[in-house]
Amino acid sequence: MADKKLVMLVDTKRCIACNSCAVACKIENNLPKNIWWNRIMTVGGGNLDSPEGEYPNLKMHNVTVACQHCENPACVKVCPVGATYKDPETGVVRQDYDKCIGCRMCMSACPYTGVRNFNWEEPAYHLDFAVGDADVAPHEKHTVEKCTFCWHRLAKGLQPACVEVCSARARHFGDANDPDSAVSAILRTRSHEQLLPDEGTDPNVYFLV
């Protein structure tokens, strides 16, 4: 077991689908055009930001979808070169671009559609200069990439960018192996669920309901 169990909690009762987390992620990690590591999905009607039901009996909530940094990651099992691996100290599922051979087996094995991206061509950007943190690993052609829990920020004792910018305070991040941590206290007191629990991956992203 990892020394730490770093988890992300997303409060679906507080999330307002402002997309600040997705934009902050894109800027912080200098993501190429058409690449998003974090997406906001509406659980409700058939269209974006639409509720289900008939007025006044309507209901809707939002689910942010990114890499789930699973305890039992399917992607790690199938990677033939060890480019996808689980950090032994934190439990974070990481990606080594230098080792990645672009086989995309990790993308096929991952049950969470769209959380991994493949750079088919040399990465192109909206601006002609890099944005975000200088310590972010350069994006490369023919490699798979995904949410890293802002690994470069964790190394400096900071929280992921998406947590820092959430204006609704819907995101919490910390060590679930520490019984005194804020995330442990929340998980003990709030109802929560994981995405696709039947897949057996045991995600480290929890949705508070």
C-alpha atoms as a PDB file:
ATOM      1  CA  MET A   1       0.000   0.000   0.000  1.00  0.00           C
ATOM      2  CA  ALA A   2       1.219   3.499  -0.765  1.00  0.00           C
ATOM      3  CA  ASP A   3       2.500   5.653   2.084  1.00  0.00           C
ATOM      4  CA  LYS A   4      -0.275   8.095   1.240  1.00  0.00           C
ATOM      5  CA  LYS A   5      -3.643   7.748  -0.430  1.00  0.00           C
ATOM      6  CA  LEU A   6      -4.142  11.080  -2.156  1.00  0.00           C
ATOM      7  CA  VAL A   7      -7.804  11.534  -3.022  1.00  0.00           C
ATOM      8  CA  MET A   8     -10.006  14.149  -4.647  1.00  0.00           C
ATOM      9  CA  LEU A   9     -13.475  14.846  -3.284  1.00  0.00           C
ATOM     10  CA  VAL A  10     -16.013  16.656  -5.462  1.00  0.00           C
ATOM     11  CA  ASP A  11     -19.141  17.965  -3.761  1.00  0.00           C
ATOM     12  CA  THR A  12     -21.946  17.566  -6.308  1.00  0.00           C
ATOM     13  CA  LYS A  13     -24.225  19.715  -4.145  1.00  0.00           C
ATOM     14  CA  ARG A  14     -21.842  22.671  -4.359  1.00  0.00           C
ATOM     15  CA  CYS A  15     -20.506  22.353  -7.923  1.00  0.00           C
ATOM     16  CA  ILE A  16     -22.060  25.032 -10.152  1.00  0.00           C
ATOM     17  CA  ALA A  17     -20.479  23.853 -13.421  1.00  0.00           C
ATOM     18  CA  CYS A  18     -18.559  27.101 -13.832  1.00  0.00           C
ATOM     19  CA  ASN A  19     -15.746  25.196 -15.612  1.00  0.00           C
ATOM     20  CA  SER A  20     -13.081  27.071 -13.638  1.00  0.00           C
ATOM     21  CA  CYS A  21     -11.449  23.763 -12.715  1.00  0.00           C
ATOM     22  CA  ALA A  22     -11.222  22.696 -16.368  1.00  0.00           C
ATOM     23  CA  VAL A  23      -9.797  26.035 -17.504  1.00  0.00           C
ATOM     24  CA  ALA A  24      -7.319  26.209 -14.617  1.00  0.00           C
ATOM     25  CA  CYS A  25      -6.156  22.683 -15.455  1.00  0.00           C
ATOM     26  CA  LYS A  26      -5.673  23.591 -19.111  1.00  0.00           C
ATOM     27  CA  ILE A  27      -3.653  26.718 -18.330  1.00  0.00           C
ATOM     28  CA  GLU A  28      -1.634  25.293 -15.432  1.00  0.00           C
ATOM     29  CA  ASN A  29      -0.565  22.269 -17.472  1.00  0.00           C
ATOM     30  CA  ASN A  30      -0.117  24.148 -20.778  1.00  0.00           C
ATOM     31  CA  LEU A  31      -2.460  21.702 -22.510  1.00  0.00           C
ATOM     32  CA  PRO A  32      -2.435  21.607 -26.320  1.00  0.00           C
ATOM     33  CA  LYS A  33      -5.399  22.564 -28.481  1.00  0.00           C
ATOM     34  CA  ASN A  34      -8.403  20.257 -28.224  1.00  0.00           C
ATOM     35  CA  ILE A  35      -6.965  18.558 -25.123  1.00  0.00           C
ATOM     36  CA  TRP A  36      -8.869  18.684 -21.846  1.00  0.00           C
ATOM     37  CA  TRP A  37      -7.856  16.640 -18.822  1.00  0.00           C
ATOM     38  CA  ASN A  38     -10.919  17.689 -16.822  1.00  0.00           C
ATOM     39  CA  ARG A  39     -14.492  17.813 -18.152  1.00  0.00           C
ATOM     40  CA  ILE A  40     -17.755  18.859 -16.503  1.00  0.00           C
ATOM     41  CA  MET A  41     -20.700  16.606 -17.285  1.00  0.00           C
ATOM     42  CA  THR A  42     -24.349  17.409 -16.565  1.00  0.00           C
ATOM     43  CA  VAL A  43     -26.442  14.670 -15.003  1.00  0.00           C
ATOM     44  CA  GLY A  44     -29.978  15.661 -15.891  1.00  0.00           C
ATOM     45  CA  GLY A  45     -31.650  16.288 -19.219  1.00  0.00           C
ATOM     46  CA  GLY A  46     -30.527  15.452 -22.699  1.00  0.00           C
ATOM     47  CA  ASN A  47     -28.631  18.711 -23.268  1.00  0.00           C
ATOM     48  CA  LEU A  48     -25.741  20.463 -21.538  1.00  0.00           C
ATOM     49  CA  ASP A  49     -26.804  22.344 -18.402  1.00  0.00           C
ATOM     50  CA  SER A  50     -30.384  21.118 -18.680  1.00  0.00           C
ATOM     51  CA  PRO A  51     -32.376  19.485 -15.864  1.00  0.00           C
ATOM     52  CA  GLU A  52     -34.556  16.415 -16.061  1.00  0.00           C
ATOM     53  CA  GLY A  53     -38.211  16.316 -15.156  1.00  0.00           C
ATOM     54  CA  GLU A  54     -41.005  18.847 -15.603  1.00  0.00           C
ATOM     55  CA  TYR A  55     -41.245  22.221 -13.900  1.00  0.00           C
ATOM     56  CA  PRO A  56     -41.373  22.665 -10.970  1.00  0.00           C
ATOM     57  CA  ASN A  57     -40.140  19.137 -10.305  1.00  0.00           C
ATOM     58  CA  LEU A  58     -36.666  19.433 -11.795  1.00  0.00           C
ATOM     59  CA  LYS A  59     -33.334  17.963 -10.754  1.00  0.00           C
ATOM     60  CA  MET A  60     -29.794  18.196 -12.033  1.00  0.00           C
ATOM     61  CA  HIS A  61     -26.248  17.851 -10.773  1.00  0.00           C
ATOM     62  CA  ASN A  62     -22.774  18.022 -12.219  1.00  0.00           C
ATOM     63  CA  VAL A  63     -19.967  15.488 -12.311  1.00  0.00           C
ATOM     64  CA  THR A  64     -16.420  16.497 -13.169  1.00  0.00           C
ATOM     65  CA  VAL A  65     -14.622  13.707 -14.979  1.00  0.00           C
ATOM     66  CA  ALA A  66     -10.850  13.266 -15.128  1.00  0.00           C
ATOM     67  CA  CYS A  67      -8.384  10.465 -14.405  1.00  0.00           C
ATOM     68  CA  GLN A  68      -9.681   8.636 -11.346  1.00  0.00           C
ATOM     69  CA  HIS A  69      -6.198   7.717 -10.029  1.00  0.00           C
ATOM     70  CA  CYS A  70      -7.518   4.279  -9.143  1.00  0.00           C
ATOM     71  CA  GLU A  71      -6.279   2.044  -6.359  1.00  0.00           C
ATOM     72  CA  ASN A  72      -6.437  -0.840  -8.832  1.00  0.00           C
ATOM     73  CA  PRO A  73      -5.744   0.928 -12.158  1.00  0.00           C
ATOM     74  CA  ALA A  74      -6.546  -1.074 -15.283  1.00  0.00           C
ATOM     75  CA  CYS A  75      -4.212   1.152 -17.308  1.00  0.00           C
ATOM     76  CA  VAL A  76      -1.137   0.162 -15.289  1.00  0.00           C
ATOM     77  CA  LYS A  77      -1.814  -3.539 -15.782  1.00  0.00           C
ATOM     78  CA  VAL A  78      -1.814  -3.345 -19.581  1.00  0.00           C
ATOM     79  CA  CYS A  79       1.035  -0.889 -20.254  1.00  0.00           C
ATOM     80  CA  PRO A  80       3.794  -2.998 -21.865  1.00  0.00           C
ATOM     81  CA  VAL A  81       6.634  -0.586 -21.077  1.00  0.00           C
ATOM     82  CA  GLY A  82       5.796   0.778 -17.633  1.00  0.00           C
ATOM     83  CA  ALA A  83       4.981   4.241 -18.956  1.00  0.00           C
ATOM     84  CA  THR A  84       1.792   4.234 -16.913  1.00  0.00           C
ATOM     85  CA  TYR A  85       2.566   3.497 -13.293  1.00  0.00           C
ATOM     86  CA  LYS A  86       1.365   4.114  -9.777  1.00  0.00           C
ATOM     87  CA  ASP A  87       3.592   6.235  -7.575  1.00  0.00           C
ATOM     88  CA  PRO A  88       4.435   4.104  -4.519  1.00  0.00           C
ATOM     89  CA  GLU A  89       4.528   7.038  -2.101  1.00  0.00           C
ATOM     90  CA  THR A  90       1.289   8.809  -3.002  1.00  0.00           C
ATOM     91  CA  GLY A  91      -0.820   6.360  -4.985  1.00  0.00           C
ATOM     92  CA  VAL A  92      -1.065   8.856  -7.850  1.00  0.00           C
ATOM     93  CA  VAL A  93      -1.274   7.209 -11.287  1.00  0.00           C
ATOM     94  CA  ARG A  94       1.449   8.821 -13.377  1.00  0.00           C
ATOM     95  CA  GLN A  95       2.504   8.850 -17.013  1.00  0.00           C
ATOM     96  CA  ASP A  96       6.120   8.813 -18.262  1.00  0.00           C
ATOM     97  CA  TYR A  97       6.104  10.459 -21.684  1.00  0.00           C
ATOM     98  CA  ASP A  98       9.654   9.315 -22.416  1.00  0.00           C
ATOM     99  CA  LYS A  99       8.685   5.663 -22.025  1.00  0.00           C
ATOM    100  CA  CYS A 100       5.303   5.881 -23.764  1.00  0.00           C
ATOM    101  CA  ILE A 101       5.330   4.124 -27.157  1.00  0.00           C
ATOM    102  CA  GLY A 102       1.878   5.319 -28.176  1.00  0.00           C
ATOM    103  CA  CYS A 103       0.236   1.880 -28.230  1.00  0.00           C
ATOM    104  CA  ARG A 104      -2.857   3.323 -26.480  1.00  0.00           C
ATOM    105  CA  MET A 105      -3.524   0.084 -24.598  1.00  0.00           C
ATOM    106  CA  CYS A 106      -4.066   2.157 -21.459  1.00  0.00           C
ATOM    107  CA  MET A 107      -6.825   4.081 -23.231  1.00  0.00           C
ATOM    108  CA  SER A 108      -8.539   0.845 -24.235  1.00  0.00           C
ATOM    109  CA  ALA A 109      -8.312  -0.614 -20.746  1.00  0.00           C
ATOM    110  CA  CYS A 110      -9.512   2.489 -18.884  1.00  0.00           C
ATOM    111  CA  PRO A 111     -13.282   2.262 -18.244  1.00  0.00           C
ATOM    112  CA  TYR A 112     -13.583   6.050 -17.844  1.00  0.00           C
ATOM    113  CA  THR A 113     -14.138   7.263 -21.391  1.00  0.00           C
ATOM    114  CA  GLY A 114     -12.265  10.382 -22.424  1.00  0.00           C
ATOM    115  CA  VAL A 115     -10.000  10.861 -19.407  1.00  0.00           C
ATOM    116  CA  ARG A 116      -6.896   9.963 -21.435  1.00  0.00           C
ATOM    117  CA  ASN A 117      -5.813  11.856 -24.532  1.00  0.00           C
ATOM    118  CA  PHE A 118      -3.481  10.885 -27.360  1.00  0.00           C
ATOM    119  CA  ASN A 119      -1.345  13.384 -29.255  1.00  0.00           C
ATOM    120  CA  TRP A 120      -1.629  12.212 -32.847  1.00  0.00           C
ATOM    121  CA  GLU A 121       0.480  15.109 -34.102  1.00  0.00           C
ATOM    122  CA  GLU A 122       3.055  17.492 -32.705  1.00  0.00           C
ATOM    123  CA  PRO A 123       1.159  19.395 -29.992  1.00  0.00           C
ATOM    124  CA  ALA A 124      -0.196  22.772 -31.155  1.00  0.00           C
ATOM    125  CA  TYR A 125      -1.275  25.588 -28.857  1.00  0.00           C
ATOM    126  CA  HIS A 126      -3.606  28.575 -28.901  1.00  0.00           C
ATOM    127  CA  LEU A 127      -0.745  30.904 -27.953  1.00  0.00           C
ATOM    128  CA  ASP A 128       2.777  31.110 -29.326  1.00  0.00           C
ATOM    129  CA  PHE A 129       4.275  30.851 -25.851  1.00  0.00           C
ATOM    130  CA  ALA A 130       3.910  28.382 -22.998  1.00  0.00           C
ATOM    131  CA  VAL A 131       1.549  29.087 -20.113  1.00  0.00           C
ATOM    132  CA  GLY A 132       1.240  27.571 -16.652  1.00  0.00           C
ATOM    133  CA  ASP A 133       3.990  26.162 -14.494  1.00  0.00           C
ATOM    134  CA  ALA A 134       7.495  25.873 -15.925  1.00  0.00           C
ATOM    135  CA  ASP A 135       7.900  22.478 -14.234  1.00  0.00           C
ATOM    136  CA  VAL A 136       5.143  20.848 -16.289  1.00  0.00           C
ATOM    137  CA  ALA A 137       6.555  18.090 -18.511  1.00  0.00           C
ATOM    138  CA  PRO A 138       6.564  19.034 -22.221  1.00  0.00           C
ATOM    139  CA  HIS A 139       3.788  17.455 -24.253  1.00  0.00           C
ATOM    140  CA  GLU A 140       4.988  15.093 -26.962  1.00  0.00           C
ATOM    141  CA  LYS A 141       3.726  13.659 -30.243  1.00  0.00           C
ATOM    142  CA  HIS A 142       2.446  10.058 -30.193  1.00  0.00           C
ATOM    143  CA  THR A 143       2.095   9.917 -26.419  1.00  0.00           C
ATOM    144  CA  VAL A 144      -0.846   9.482 -24.064  1.00  0.00           C
ATOM    145  CA  GLU A 145      -1.497  12.113 -21.418  1.00  0.00           C
ATOM    146  CA  LYS A 146      -3.986  12.725 -18.618  1.00  0.00           C
ATOM    147  CA  CYS A 147      -4.622  14.435 -15.293  1.00  0.00           C
ATOM    148  CA  THR A 148      -1.606  14.170 -12.992  1.00  0.00           C
ATOM    149  CA  PHE A 149      -3.232  15.649  -9.867  1.00  0.00           C
ATOM    150  CA  CYS A 150      -0.849  18.504 -10.783  1.00  0.00           C
ATOM    151  CA  TRP A 151       2.151  16.428  -9.782  1.00  0.00           C
ATOM    152  CA  HIS A 152       4.496  19.394 -10.189  1.00  0.00           C
ATOM    153  CA  ARG A 153       2.460  21.292  -7.591  1.00  0.00           C
ATOM    154  CA  LEU A 154       2.310  18.356  -5.182  1.00  0.00           C
ATOM    155  CA  ALA A 155       6.117  18.266  -5.253  1.00  0.00           C
ATOM    156  CA  LYS A 156       6.068  21.842  -3.908  1.00  0.00           C
ATOM    157  CA  GLY A 157       3.529  21.141  -1.190  1.00  0.00           C
ATOM    158  CA  LEU A 158       0.691  22.766  -3.141  1.00  0.00           C
ATOM    159  CA  GLN A 159      -2.756  21.500  -4.031  1.00  0.00           C
ATOM    160  CA  PRO A 160      -3.895  20.758  -7.595  1.00  0.00           C
ATOM    161  CA  ALA A 161      -4.821  23.880  -9.540  1.00  0.00           C
ATOM    162  CA  CYS A 162      -8.468  22.801  -9.882  1.00  0.00           C
ATOM    163  CA  VAL A 163      -8.847  22.713  -6.093  1.00  0.00           C
ATOM    164  CA  GLU A 164      -7.256  26.120  -5.639  1.00  0.00           C
ATOM    165  CA  VAL A 165      -9.527  27.913  -8.114  1.00  0.00           C
ATOM    166  CA  CYS A 166     -12.879  26.325  -7.215  1.00  0.00           C
ATOM    167  CA  SER A 167     -15.009  29.318  -6.238  1.00  0.00           C
ATOM    168  CA  ALA A 168     -17.809  27.128  -4.884  1.00  0.00           C
ATOM    169  CA  ARG A 169     -15.379  25.250  -2.609  1.00  0.00           C
ATOM    170  CA  ALA A 170     -16.680  22.035  -4.119  1.00  0.00           C
ATOM    171  CA  ARG A 171     -13.271  20.335  -4.259  1.00  0.00           C
ATOM    172  CA  HIS A 172     -11.198  18.850  -1.465  1.00  0.00           C
ATOM    173  CA  PHE A 173      -7.825  17.132  -1.745  1.00  0.00           C
ATOM    174  CA  GLY A 174      -5.684  15.292   0.745  1.00  0.00           C
ATOM    175  CA  ASP A 175      -4.423  12.054   2.263  1.00  0.00           C
ATOM    176  CA  ALA A 176      -7.152   9.541   3.066  1.00  0.00           C
ATOM    177  CA  ASN A 177      -4.591   7.353   4.861  1.00  0.00           C
ATOM    178  CA  ASP A 178      -4.302  10.113   7.483  1.00  0.00           C
ATOM    179  CA  PRO A 179      -7.296   9.725   9.815  1.00  0.00           C
ATOM    180  CA  ASP A 180      -6.875  13.321  10.975  1.00  0.00           C
ATOM    181  CA  SER A 181      -6.969  14.845   7.481  1.00  0.00           C
ATOM    182  CA  ALA A 182      -9.874  16.960   6.268  1.00  0.00           C
ATOM    183  CA  VAL A 183     -10.712  14.508   3.486  1.00  0.00           C
ATOM    184  CA  SER A 184     -10.867  11.601   5.945  1.00  0.00           C
ATOM    185  CA  ALA A 185     -13.254  13.555   8.156  1.00  0.00           C
ATOM    186  CA  ILE A 186     -15.470  14.391   5.178  1.00  0.00           C
ATOM    187  CA  LEU A 187     -15.561  10.802   3.941  1.00  0.00           C
ATOM    188  CA  ARG A 188     -16.595   9.651   7.418  1.00  0.00           C
ATOM    189  CA  THR A 189     -19.485  12.112   7.619  1.00  0.00           C
ATOM    190  CA  ARG A 190     -20.761  12.575   4.045  1.00  0.00           C
ATOM    191  CA  SER A 191     -22.423  10.130   1.703  1.00  0.00           C
ATOM    192  CA  HIS A 192     -20.247   9.569  -1.337  1.00  0.00           C
ATOM    193  CA  GLU A 193     -19.914   7.447  -4.437  1.00  0.00           C
ATOM    194  CA  GLN A 194     -17.337   6.473  -7.042  1.00  0.00           C
ATOM    195  CA  LEU A 195     -17.679   6.232 -10.806  1.00  0.00           C
ATOM    196  CA  LEU A 196     -18.298   2.737 -12.219  1.00  0.00           C
ATOM    197  CA  PRO A 197     -17.659   0.857  -8.965  1.00  0.00           C
ATOM    198  CA  ASP A 198     -18.455  -2.461 -10.645  1.00  0.00           C
ATOM    199  CA  GLU A 199     -15.282  -2.151 -12.743  1.00  0.00           C
ATOM    200  CA  GLY A 200     -13.217  -3.022  -9.678  1.00  0.00           C
ATOM    201  CA  THR A 201     -10.755  -0.149 -10.149  1.00  0.00           C
ATOM    202  CA  ASP A 202     -11.581   1.531  -6.799  1.00  0.00           C
ATOM    203  CA  PRO A 203     -11.182   5.183  -7.885  1.00  0.00           C
ATOM    204  CA  ASN A 204      -9.532   7.758  -5.616  1.00  0.00           C
ATOM    205  CA  VAL A 205     -11.970  10.410  -6.799  1.00  0.00           C
ATOM    206  CA  TYR A 206     -15.102  10.523  -4.642  1.00  0.00           C
ATOM    207  CA  PHE A 207     -18.300  12.384  -5.373  1.00  0.00           C
ATOM    208  CA  LEU A 208     -20.103  13.735  -2.340  1.00  0.00           C
ATOM    209  CA  VAL A 209     -23.867  13.380  -2.754  1.00  0.00           C
END
